[in-house]
Protein backbone atom coordinates (compact mmCIF):
# COMPACT_ATOMS: atom_id res chain seq x y z
CA MET A 1 -8.15 4.93 12.13
CA ARG A 2 -10.68 2.21 11.88
CA ARG A 3 -13.28 0.53 13.98
CA ARG A 4 -15.16 -0.99 11.14
CA THR A 5 -14.26 -4.95 10.73
CA PHE A 6 -14.99 -6.12 7.00
CA THR A 7 -15.53 -8.94 4.03
CA ARG A 8 -13.71 -9.18 1.18
CA LYS A 9 -14.36 -10.96 -2.14
CA ARG A 10 -12.43 -13.48 -3.93
CA LEU A 11 -9.53 -10.83 -5.42
CA SER A 12 -10.74 -12.52 -9.04
CA GLU A 13 -14.01 -10.72 -8.60
CA GLY A 14 -12.57 -7.34 -7.55
CA VAL A 15 -12.15 -5.76 -4.29
CA GLU A 16 -15.36 -4.56 -2.71
CA LEU A 17 -15.46 -4.03 0.96
CA ARG A 18 -18.70 -4.16 3.38
CA SER A 19 -19.15 -3.02 6.75
CA VAL A 20 -20.15 -6.02 8.93
CA ASN A 21 -23.67 -4.96 9.53
CA GLY A 22 -24.09 -5.01 5.38
CA ARG A 23 -23.79 -1.30 4.66
CA LYS A 24 -21.32 -0.42 1.46
CA ARG A 25 -18.63 1.88 1.91
CA PRO A 26 -18.45 4.73 -0.03
CA GLY A 27 -15.42 4.47 -2.74
CA GLN A 28 -15.11 2.33 -5.95
CA LYS A 29 -14.12 -1.40 -6.88
CA SER A 30 -10.29 -1.55 -8.10
CA SER A 31 -10.20 -0.28 -11.63
CA SER A 32 -7.90 -2.83 -12.70
CA LYS A 33 -9.62 -6.67 -12.60
CA ALA A 34 -6.22 -8.10 -14.01
CA LEU A 35 -4.10 -6.11 -11.27
CA HIS A 36 -5.55 -8.12 -8.48
CA LEU A 37 -5.88 -11.46 -10.58
CA LEU A 38 -1.86 -10.69 -10.71
CA TRP A 39 -1.43 -10.17 -7.37
CA SER A 40 -3.08 -13.33 -6.15
CA ALA A 41 -1.07 -15.69 -8.38
CA LEU A 42 2.03 -13.69 -7.01
CA LEU A 43 1.17 -14.30 -3.69
CA CYS A 44 0.73 -17.91 -4.22
CA LEU A 45 3.92 -18.14 -5.98
CA LEU A 46 5.47 -16.36 -3.15
CA LEU A 47 3.75 -18.67 -0.77
CA GLU A 48 5.34 -22.07 -2.82
CA LEU A 49 8.98 -20.41 -2.92
CA SER A 50 8.92 -19.77 0.98
CA VAL A 51 7.66 -23.70 1.60
CA VAL A 52 10.96 -24.74 -0.58
CA SER A 53 13.38 -22.12 1.02
CA ALA A 54 12.16 -23.33 4.53
CA GLY A 55 13.26 -27.07 3.76
CA ALA A 56 16.45 -26.10 2.41
CA GLN A 57 19.65 -26.24 4.93
CA GLY A 58 20.95 -23.37 6.45
CA PRO A 59 20.19 -19.90 5.98
CA ALA A 60 19.99 -17.74 2.86
CA GLU A 61 23.27 -15.86 2.01
CA THR A 62 23.52 -12.72 0.03
CA THR A 63 25.86 -9.75 -0.29
CA VAL A 64 25.04 -6.05 0.19
CA VAL A 65 27.04 -3.13 -2.20
CA VAL A 66 26.82 0.06 -0.62
CA ASN A 67 28.76 3.25 -2.01
CA TRP A 68 29.18 5.51 0.54
CA GLY A 69 30.44 8.11 -1.61
CA LYS A 70 27.49 8.43 -3.95
CA ALA A 71 24.68 10.01 -2.10
CA THR A 72 20.83 9.60 -3.59
CA LYS A 73 18.83 11.71 -1.43
CA VAL A 74 18.83 14.01 2.11
CA LEU A 75 16.94 12.07 4.42
CA ARG A 76 13.43 13.95 5.07
CA THR A 77 11.66 11.73 6.91
CA THR A 78 10.68 11.35 10.72
CA ALA A 79 9.58 8.16 12.33
CA ALA A 80 6.68 8.82 14.69
CA LEU A 81 3.44 7.09 16.19
CA GLN A 82 -0.02 8.21 16.87
CA ILE A 83 -1.91 7.95 19.62
CA ALA A 84 -5.71 8.14 19.78
CA THR A 85 -7.61 8.98 23.26
CA GLN A 86 -8.98 5.82 24.67
CA PRO A 87 -9.58 4.54 28.15
CA PRO A 88 -6.08 3.08 29.09
CA LEU A 89 -4.55 6.73 28.78
CA LEU A 90 -6.72 7.59 31.24
CA ARG A 91 -5.23 8.68 34.67
CA ASP A 92 -7.01 5.80 36.66
CA SER A 93 -5.78 3.38 34.67
CA PRO A 94 -3.47 1.14 36.06
CA ILE A 95 -0.66 1.45 32.81
CA HIS A 96 -1.21 5.08 32.50
CA ASP A 97 2.14 5.87 34.37
CA ARG A 98 4.39 3.49 31.94
CA LEU A 99 2.34 4.62 29.09
CA PHE A 100 3.46 7.70 29.04
CA LYS A 101 7.09 7.21 30.45
CA ALA A 102 7.34 5.16 27.06
CA LEU A 103 6.17 8.15 25.20
CA SER A 104 8.23 10.48 27.26
CA ASP A 105 11.19 7.90 26.45
CA LEU A 106 11.31 7.95 23.19
CA GLN A 107 11.37 11.93 22.50
CA ALA A 108 9.52 11.54 18.97
CA ASP A 109 8.70 14.33 16.69
CA TYR A 110 5.70 15.16 15.29
CA VAL A 111 3.22 12.19 17.34
CA ARG A 112 -0.15 12.28 16.22
CA TYR A 113 -2.25 13.16 19.08
CA ILE A 114 -6.13 12.22 17.51
CA PRO A 115 -8.73 12.26 20.41
CA TYR A 116 -11.65 10.59 17.73
CA TYR A 117 -15.24 10.04 18.27
CA PRO A 118 -15.53 6.30 19.84
CA HIS A 119 -15.52 7.96 23.24
CA PRO A 120 -17.64 11.11 22.84
CA LYS A 121 -17.38 12.15 26.49
CA LEU A 122 -13.49 12.16 26.09
CA VAL A 123 -12.75 14.08 22.87
CA VAL A 124 -16.02 16.45 22.39
CA ALA A 125 -15.73 19.51 24.05
CA GLU A 126 -19.63 20.67 23.60
CA LEU A 127 -21.39 17.63 23.73
CA ASP A 128 -25.13 19.47 23.48
CA PRO A 129 -25.97 22.66 21.92
CA PRO A 130 -26.46 25.99 23.52
CA ARG A 131 -29.63 27.14 24.68
CA ASP A 132 -31.53 29.28 26.96
CA ARG A 133 -28.28 31.04 27.30
CA ARG A 134 -26.12 28.32 28.67
CA THR A 135 -23.73 25.93 27.05
CA SER A 136 -22.26 22.51 27.41
CA TRP A 137 -18.66 23.41 27.19
CA ASP A 138 -16.92 20.57 29.24
CA PHE A 139 -12.78 20.15 29.17
CA SER A 140 -12.91 18.39 32.42
CA LEU A 141 -12.50 15.00 30.84
CA LEU A 142 -10.61 15.95 27.72
CA ASP A 143 -7.74 18.28 29.43
CA PRO A 144 -5.98 15.58 31.42
CA THR A 145 -4.96 13.06 28.59
CA MET A 146 -3.87 16.39 26.55
CA GLU A 147 -2.02 17.86 29.62
CA ASP A 148 -0.12 14.51 30.32
CA PHE A 149 0.59 14.41 25.91
CA MET A 150 2.27 17.56 25.84
CA ARG A 151 4.30 17.09 28.90
CA ALA A 152 5.69 13.58 27.65
CA THR A 153 6.11 15.08 24.26
CA ALA A 154 7.61 18.60 25.49
CA GLY A 155 10.04 20.42 23.44
CA HIS A 156 9.11 18.27 20.11
CA PRO A 157 6.66 19.40 17.48
CA VAL A 158 3.62 17.56 17.93
CA VAL A 159 0.38 17.07 15.39
CA VAL A 160 -2.88 17.49 17.00
CA ASN A 161 -6.45 16.48 15.86
CA PHE A 162 -9.26 16.57 17.68
CA SER A 163 -11.41 15.10 14.74
CA THR A 164 -14.79 14.54 15.96
CA ILE A 165 -17.39 17.50 15.36
CA PRO A 166 -20.14 17.61 17.72
CA ALA A 167 -22.68 15.51 16.15
CA TRP A 168 -25.57 18.29 17.19
CA MET A 169 -23.88 20.33 14.29
CA PHE A 170 -25.68 17.73 11.73
CA LYS A 171 -28.93 17.44 10.75
CA THR A 172 -30.37 14.43 11.97
CA ALA A 173 -34.29 13.39 12.53
CA LYS A 174 -33.51 12.72 16.27
CA PRO A 175 -30.65 13.77 18.83
CA VAL A 176 -27.52 11.95 18.23
CA ALA A 177 -27.22 9.83 21.44
CA TYR A 178 -23.75 9.25 22.98
CA PRO A 179 -22.87 6.94 26.48
CA SER A 180 -23.38 8.67 29.35
CA ASP A 181 -20.23 6.26 30.82
CA PRO A 182 -16.88 8.00 29.10
CA ASN A 183 -15.76 4.79 28.45
CA GLN A 184 -18.24 3.45 26.62
CA VAL A 185 -17.99 3.33 23.21
CA ALA A 186 -20.54 5.05 20.60
CA ASP A 187 -21.68 3.63 17.56
CA ASP A 188 -20.92 4.72 14.22
CA ASP A 189 -24.39 6.96 14.02
CA TYR A 190 -22.21 9.73 16.16
CA THR A 191 -20.11 10.35 12.73
CA GLN A 192 -22.88 9.46 10.30
CA ALA A 193 -25.15 12.45 9.28
CA THR A 194 -23.98 14.45 6.07
CA SER A 195 -25.39 17.97 6.53
CA LEU A 196 -24.61 20.85 8.56
CA ARG A 197 -27.39 22.46 9.90
CA ASP A 198 -25.35 25.54 9.53
CA PRO A 199 -24.69 25.65 5.77
CA SER A 200 -22.43 28.63 6.06
CA MET A 201 -20.04 26.35 8.15
CA LYS A 202 -19.80 28.83 10.61
CA GLU A 203 -20.70 27.17 13.94
CA VAL A 204 -18.06 24.62 13.11
CA ALA A 205 -15.68 26.97 12.54
CA ASP A 206 -16.27 29.09 15.82
CA TYR A 207 -15.92 25.63 17.60
CA TYR A 208 -12.57 24.98 16.89
CA ALA A 209 -11.14 28.59 17.05
CA ARG A 210 -12.56 28.45 20.62
CA LEU A 211 -11.28 24.71 21.07
CA ILE A 212 -7.74 26.11 19.71
CA SER A 213 -8.38 29.09 21.99
CA TRP A 214 -8.82 26.76 24.60
CA TYR A 215 -5.48 25.15 24.59
CA THR A 216 -3.32 27.64 22.99
CA CYS A 217 -4.38 31.13 24.22
CA GLY A 218 -5.46 30.65 27.90
CA GLY A 219 -9.13 30.27 27.09
CA PHE A 220 -11.92 31.29 25.13
CA THR A 221 -15.17 33.70 25.28
CA ASP A 222 -18.71 31.18 24.72
CA GLU A 223 -21.73 32.30 22.20
CA TYR A 224 -23.48 34.08 25.08
CA GLY A 225 -20.13 36.29 25.67
CA LYS A 226 -19.13 34.35 29.12
CA TRP A 227 -15.39 34.22 29.13
CA HIS A 228 -13.89 30.29 29.88
CA GLY A 229 -10.11 30.27 30.93
CA SER A 230 -8.33 27.18 30.73
CA GLY A 231 -4.70 28.69 31.65
CA HIS A 232 -3.20 26.59 28.87
CA ARG A 233 -0.71 27.95 26.29
CA TYR A 234 0.39 25.08 24.67
CA LYS A 235 2.41 25.01 21.23
CA ILE A 236 0.74 23.07 19.10
CA ASP A 237 3.13 22.78 15.52
CA TYR A 238 0.40 21.59 13.51
CA TRP A 239 -3.37 21.34 13.58
CA GLU A 240 -4.99 18.14 11.34
CA PHE A 241 -8.60 18.68 10.29
CA LEU A 242 -11.11 16.03 10.71
CA ASN A 243 -9.89 12.50 10.22
CA GLU A 244 -10.62 9.94 7.24
CA VAL A 245 -13.49 12.13 5.86
CA GLU A 246 -14.74 10.12 2.73
CA PHE A 247 -16.03 7.50 5.72
CA GLU A 248 -17.04 10.08 8.25
CA HIS A 249 -19.66 11.93 7.61
CA SER A 250 -19.23 10.55 3.65
CA MET A 251 -17.54 14.11 2.45
CA THR A 252 -17.13 14.87 -0.90
CA PRO A 253 -13.88 16.81 -1.76
CA GLU A 254 -15.90 19.98 -2.47
CA PHE A 255 -17.65 20.10 0.99
CA TYR A 256 -14.00 19.03 2.84
CA THR A 257 -12.30 21.63 0.85
CA ALA A 258 -14.87 24.78 2.13
CA LEU A 259 -15.26 23.48 5.46
CA TYR A 260 -11.49 22.92 5.56
CA ASP A 261 -10.93 26.75 4.48
CA ARG A 262 -13.62 28.06 6.59
CA VAL A 263 -12.29 26.29 9.67
CA VAL A 264 -8.73 27.12 8.70
CA MET A 265 -9.50 30.88 8.74
CA ALA A 266 -11.18 30.99 11.86
CA ILE A 267 -8.58 29.31 13.78
CA HIS A 268 -6.16 31.96 12.38
CA GLN A 269 -7.81 34.96 14.18
CA VAL A 270 -6.85 33.05 17.57
CA ALA A 271 -3.15 31.03 16.18
CA PRO A 272 -2.00 33.19 12.79
CA ARG A 273 1.15 30.90 13.29
CA MET A 274 -0.72 27.63 13.15
CA LYS A 275 0.02 25.52 10.38
CA PHE A 276 -1.93 22.54 8.87
CA ILE A 277 -2.74 19.05 7.76
CA GLY A 278 -5.34 18.36 5.52
CA LEU A 279 -7.14 15.44 4.15
CA SER A 280 -6.32 12.63 6.22
CA LEU A 281 -7.34 10.15 4.00
CA GLU A 282 -8.11 5.81 4.25
CA GLY A 283 -8.82 5.26 0.85
CA THR A 284 -5.33 4.80 0.08
CA SER A 285 -5.18 1.56 1.69
CA PRO A 286 -4.78 -1.15 -0.82
CA LEU A 287 -7.90 -2.79 0.48
CA GLN A 288 -9.75 0.63 -0.22
CA ALA A 289 -9.34 -0.35 -4.24
CA PHE A 290 -7.27 3.34 -4.61
CA ASN A 291 -9.05 4.84 -7.63
CA PHE A 292 -5.81 5.60 -9.89
CA ASP A 293 -8.28 6.84 -12.53
CA ASP A 294 -9.84 9.83 -11.29
CA PRO A 295 -8.14 10.35 -7.32
CA PRO A 296 -10.98 13.50 -6.55
CA PHE A 297 -9.45 14.34 -2.99
CA PHE A 298 -5.93 14.70 -3.95
CA GLN A 299 -6.83 16.39 -7.56
CA TYR A 300 -9.19 18.59 -5.72
CA PHE A 301 -7.87 19.46 -2.21
CA LEU A 302 -4.33 20.05 -3.56
CA ASN A 303 -5.61 22.39 -6.56
CA PRO A 304 -5.16 26.17 -4.73
CA ARG A 305 -7.99 27.52 -7.53
CA ASN A 306 -10.15 25.48 -4.73
CA HIS A 307 -9.17 27.64 -1.97
CA LYS A 308 -9.70 31.01 -0.64
CA PRO A 309 -6.83 33.25 -1.21
CA GLY A 310 -4.61 32.86 1.81
CA VAL A 311 -5.42 29.39 3.34
CA PRO A 312 -2.51 27.92 3.36
CA LEU A 313 -1.60 24.05 2.07
CA ASP A 314 0.81 23.14 4.54
CA MET A 315 0.65 19.57 4.85
CA ILE A 316 -1.33 16.27 3.96
CA SER A 317 -1.92 13.51 4.93
CA TYR A 318 -3.12 9.69 4.21
CA HIS A 319 -3.07 6.14 5.78
CA PHE A 320 -2.21 2.64 4.85
CA TYR A 321 -2.81 -0.36 7.18
CA GLY A 322 -1.99 -4.30 5.71
CA GLU A 323 -4.58 -6.88 6.75
CA PRO A 324 -3.45 -10.35 5.80
CA PHE A 325 -7.31 -12.05 4.42
CA PRO A 326 -9.26 -13.84 7.20
CA ASP A 327 -8.58 -16.95 6.12
CA GLU A 328 -5.27 -16.85 5.56
CA PRO A 329 -2.74 -19.33 7.50
CA PRO A 330 -0.73 -17.26 9.56
CA GLU A 331 2.54 -18.17 7.11
CA ALA A 332 1.41 -16.54 4.05
CA TRP A 333 0.72 -13.24 5.97
CA GLN A 334 4.32 -12.05 5.12
CA PHE A 335 3.73 -12.35 1.83
CA SER A 336 0.26 -10.47 2.29
CA LEU A 337 1.42 -7.68 4.30
CA PHE A 338 4.52 -6.81 2.34
CA ASN A 339 2.77 -6.95 -1.36
CA GLN A 340 -0.15 -4.68 0.01
CA ALA A 341 2.84 -2.30 1.05
CA ASN A 342 4.39 -2.21 -2.21
CA HIS A 343 0.74 -1.93 -3.61
CA PHE A 344 0.81 1.31 -1.32
CA LEU A 345 4.11 2.69 -2.50
CA ASP A 346 2.54 2.40 -6.07
CA VAL A 347 -0.25 4.61 -4.55
CA VAL A 348 2.56 7.16 -2.59
CA ASN A 349 4.30 7.52 -5.92
CA TYR A 350 0.82 8.38 -7.94
CA ILE A 351 -0.37 10.76 -5.05
CA GLU A 352 3.19 12.75 -5.15
CA SER A 353 3.00 13.33 -8.87
CA ILE A 354 -0.28 15.00 -7.97
CA ARG A 355 1.17 17.05 -5.16
CA LYS A 356 4.30 18.07 -7.14
CA LYS A 357 2.45 19.27 -10.29
CA LEU A 358 -0.45 21.04 -8.03
CA SER A 359 1.01 22.31 -4.95
CA PRO A 360 4.90 21.29 -4.72
CA ILE A 361 5.29 23.42 -1.64
CA THR A 362 2.59 21.05 0.47
CA GLN A 363 4.54 18.40 2.77
CA THR A 364 3.21 14.93 3.31
CA ASP A 365 2.45 13.44 6.78
CA VAL A 366 1.41 9.46 6.27
CA ASP A 367 0.49 9.48 9.82
CA GLU A 368 -1.01 6.10 10.14
CA VAL A 369 0.81 3.03 9.50
CA GLY A 370 -0.41 -0.11 10.82
CA THR A 371 -1.30 -4.20 10.05
CA ILE A 372 -4.79 -5.21 11.12
CA LEU A 373 -5.89 -8.83 12.07
CA HIS A 374 -9.41 -9.99 11.49
CA ASN A 375 -9.55 -12.87 14.32
CA PRO A 376 -12.82 -12.69 16.35
CA ASP A 377 -10.66 -14.37 19.20
CA HIS A 378 -8.18 -11.89 19.66
CA ILE A 379 -5.38 -14.32 19.43
CA ILE A 380 -2.24 -13.14 18.08
CA PRO A 381 1.03 -14.89 17.26
CA ASP A 382 3.87 -13.70 18.43
CA PHE A 383 5.54 -13.67 15.61
CA TYR A 384 3.08 -11.00 14.03
CA TRP A 385 4.10 -8.05 16.24
CA ASN A 386 7.72 -8.51 14.88
CA LEU A 387 6.30 -9.04 11.13
CA SER A 388 4.33 -5.70 11.83
CA ALA A 389 7.42 -4.13 12.72
CA ALA A 390 9.56 -5.12 9.85
CA MET A 391 6.54 -3.84 7.57
CA PHE A 392 6.64 -0.40 9.46
CA ALA A 393 10.43 -0.23 8.82
CA TYR A 394 10.42 -1.33 5.19
CA VAL A 395 7.04 1.38 4.54
CA TYR A 396 9.64 3.98 6.55
CA ALA A 397 12.74 3.14 4.30
CA ARG A 398 10.53 3.15 1.24
CA LEU A 399 9.44 6.25 1.79
CA ALA A 400 12.15 8.04 2.60
CA ARG A 401 13.66 7.18 -0.40
CA MET A 402 10.19 9.35 -1.88
CA GLY A 403 11.23 12.53 0.29
CA ILE A 404 7.96 11.91 2.75
CA GLU A 405 8.37 14.37 5.76
CA VAL A 406 6.81 12.04 8.51
CA VAL A 407 5.75 8.41 8.74
CA ALA A 408 3.90 7.59 11.44
CA ALA A 409 2.82 3.64 13.46
CA SER A 410 -1.10 3.42 14.33
CA GLN A 411 -1.37 3.70 16.87
CA PHE A 412 0.18 3.76 20.81
CA THR A 413 -2.98 1.88 22.25
CA GLU A 414 -5.90 -0.07 21.00
CA TYR A 415 -8.50 -0.73 23.03
CA PRO A 416 -9.35 -4.66 23.11
CA ILE A 417 -13.01 -4.22 22.02
CA ASP A 418 -11.48 -2.72 18.77
CA PHE A 419 -8.61 -3.90 17.06
CA PRO A 420 -5.76 -5.34 19.72
CA SER A 421 -3.05 -5.97 16.75
CA PHE A 422 -3.08 -2.13 16.05
CA SER A 423 -1.51 -1.42 19.36
CA LEU A 424 2.23 -0.40 20.01
CA VAL A 425 2.24 -1.86 23.90
CA ASP A 426 0.94 -4.91 25.23
CA MET A 427 -2.91 -3.76 26.69
CA LYS A 428 -2.27 -5.14 30.08
CA THR A 429 1.02 -4.31 30.82
CA GLY A 430 1.87 -1.34 29.36
CA GLN A 431 5.08 -2.48 27.77
CA PRO A 432 6.02 -1.48 24.55
CA ASN A 433 6.02 -4.39 21.82
CA ALA A 434 8.53 -4.71 19.00
CA ARG A 435 6.38 -2.31 16.76
CA PHE A 436 7.37 0.30 19.39
CA TRP A 437 11.21 -0.68 19.37
CA VAL A 438 11.58 -0.44 16.14
CA ILE A 439 10.42 3.30 16.01
CA LYS A 440 13.12 3.96 18.79
CA LEU A 441 16.18 1.75 16.41
CA ILE A 442 15.19 3.94 13.54
CA ARG A 443 15.18 7.80 15.54
CA ASP A 444 18.23 6.54 17.50
CA ASN A 445 19.91 5.88 14.39
CA LEU A 446 18.87 8.44 11.89
CA GLU A 447 17.44 11.94 11.98
CA PRO A 448 16.89 14.25 8.92
CA GLY A 449 19.56 15.82 7.34
CA ASP A 450 21.68 12.52 6.96
CA LYS A 451 22.37 11.20 3.63
CA LEU A 452 20.73 8.52 1.77
CA VAL A 453 23.51 6.37 -0.57
CA ASP A 454 23.48 4.25 -3.10
CA THR A 455 22.93 0.60 -2.02
CA VAL A 456 22.21 -2.77 -3.73
CA LEU A 457 21.22 -5.77 -2.50
CA PRO A 458 20.46 -8.58 -4.52
CA LEU A 459 18.21 -10.87 -1.95
CA THR A 460 14.68 -9.69 -2.68
CA SER A 461 13.63 -10.55 1.02
CA VAL A 462 15.79 -8.34 2.56
CA TYR A 463 15.81 -4.88 2.16
CA ALA A 464 18.77 -2.50 2.72
CA GLN A 465 19.39 0.89 2.73
CA GLY A 466 22.72 2.68 3.68
CA PHE A 467 22.46 6.41 5.63
CA VAL A 468 26.11 8.65 6.21
CA THR A 469 25.04 10.59 9.06
CA GLN A 470 25.39 14.53 9.60
CA LYS A 471 28.69 13.39 11.84
CA GLY A 472 30.32 11.46 8.88
CA ARG A 473 29.23 8.14 10.41
CA HIS A 474 28.07 4.78 7.92
CA LYS A 475 24.67 3.57 8.83
CA LEU A 476 23.41 0.35 6.90
CA LEU A 477 19.62 -0.17 7.84
CA LEU A 478 18.34 -4.29 7.05
CA ILE A 479 15.00 -5.74 7.24
CA ASN A 480 14.22 -9.16 6.96
CA GLU A 481 10.83 -9.29 4.90
CA ARG A 482 11.04 -13.13 5.89
CA GLN A 483 10.00 -15.63 8.73
CA ARG A 484 13.28 -17.33 8.02
CA ALA A 485 17.09 -16.36 8.93
CA VAL A 486 18.96 -14.79 6.45
CA GLU A 487 23.02 -14.29 6.51
CA VAL A 488 23.89 -10.98 4.82
CA THR A 489 27.72 -10.28 4.18
CA ILE A 490 28.68 -6.74 4.88
CA PRO A 491 32.18 -5.76 3.64
CA ALA A 492 34.45 -4.29 5.97
CA ALA A 493 32.35 -4.61 8.37
CA GLU A 494 34.57 -6.60 10.76
CA GLY A 495 33.93 -4.80 14.30
CA ALA A 496 30.76 -2.60 13.36
CA GLU A 497 28.10 -2.60 15.87
CA GLU A 498 24.54 -3.95 15.07
CA GLU A 499 21.14 -2.61 16.96
CA PHE A 500 18.65 -4.73 16.53
CA VAL A 501 14.87 -5.84 16.80
CA ASP A 502 13.67 -9.58 16.51
CA GLU A 503 12.00 -12.18 17.70
CA VAL A 504 14.70 -12.60 20.17
CA THR A 505 14.25 -9.10 21.59
CA ALA A 506 10.64 -9.33 21.26
CA ASN A 507 9.36 -7.09 23.81
CA SER A 508 12.79 -5.99 25.24
CA PRO A 509 14.26 -2.73 24.06
CA PRO A 510 16.56 -3.07 20.97
CA GLY A 511 19.30 -5.59 21.59
CA HIS A 512 23.21 -4.45 20.74
CA ALA A 513 26.65 -6.54 19.55
CA LYS A 514 29.36 -6.14 17.76
CA LEU A 515 30.26 -7.78 14.64
CA THR A 516 33.41 -10.08 14.95
CA GLY A 517 33.59 -10.74 10.86
CA ASN A 518 32.09 -9.35 7.92
CA LYS A 519 28.52 -11.58 8.02
CA LEU A 520 25.63 -10.73 10.16
CA SER A 521 22.64 -13.78 10.87
CA LEU A 522 19.36 -11.46 10.60
CA GLY A 523 16.76 -13.60 12.21
CA PRO A 524 12.81 -13.97 10.87
CA PHE A 525 11.67 -10.42 10.89
CA ALA A 526 14.59 -9.04 12.14
CA VAL A 527 15.18 -4.83 11.74
CA VAL A 528 18.85 -3.66 12.01
CA ALA A 529 20.93 -0.71 12.12
CA VAL A 530 24.61 -1.45 11.60
CA THR A 531 27.26 1.15 12.76
CA LEU A 532 30.21 0.49 10.70
CA PRO A 533 33.94 1.57 11.86
């Protein structure tokens, strides 16, 4: 999840990211200059081929071959989304009711709820330090959205991450200010301090134990022994600890791991059955120049020897955002985004090799998958939403083949002053867009326990994966990665039912049709689930 905007050097010089105020972000340049040169050359070649193809007569054609009797893996992957606390979700928002109805109708598992720092009064329960036997504990602005979220996801496992540590718990030259207006965005200073004022970490651990107790145990006792009752007894399945810590507070692997252990042990005192997600790293996105030579967070955190006895490593999380070059023409975005997706999948493979070696029982939640447009005028062409939706479906399908447990789209809403291209809904009307409907299409057709089967499709611009459901139905997921029509032949498909999200359905729910033959036409950036007879 990001609020910063970036500029980027030419690929031939390596990748280096700087914030708009010139502060260099932590991280390293790419370890392989040749890789970036190859990437740049490949992008140009693909764009040229697209231009040639676009001038050809009629759509491209290809035949998909599925061996329905050859299962390659049992599906473990859930398609989900993340929700960040923002003003559009507040009860006085004109789109509040429509947003939470859409979330409820989706019936998704492992939705990630993350109140994070841009709006401190909406996400921090104790904004000022206790003094003179008085505390600032206040849930009046936190509770309504949390209550609406838990109501909309009732009956489904959830991931919760109150990711913002109160700024007063860090050493700073002067108190860190926060806006008095809950709708006003705080600056980055709220998460920039790097040293805790309590080096034992007990202060932070106690804060999170009380926060958990408020929502799961009916209340808590504060620093001066006063009881604060909430009445909440929610079932929170996973608590994710902090967010993008390599940038927020610039934590080292050693510091984060020690803090994780201290907080987990404190939470287990009030919620002994709670499961935990660690890391939540941003540096795995391609433009962050992931260091294949030495990924310290994964090497350190996933090593059980670096944790206190009894501290669980239930799950880890990390993020992926595709970002076209700021000066790229829109017709090139399709190549940038899918190229970056493929690079991210290489990163996942590498992380998986570390996880399987150090902590094979730990699961994975890729809980922010999205796309970003760095256009200051916020003009977003209509096709972008289908391109972004197709990229999410592609990442989901590829991660399903790797056995990743959760893939969550980022994010439900995005305040217009930030990155409106993140959003899964229209921020004026609350109407879900193609990114949202692709999640629904996947969830309505596939579920963990289905089987992936051997699938071959020669045309590289269409991705295909066959599934046999637990009820024995044959399903085929097709993703058109290009902004052109493609015709796919599916043997023995006459009478099959297709469900699709494309530029025709746009912001409407998935369309439905029945095949009258063996040929299926995929529109630009179409995502299609075919149920064979």
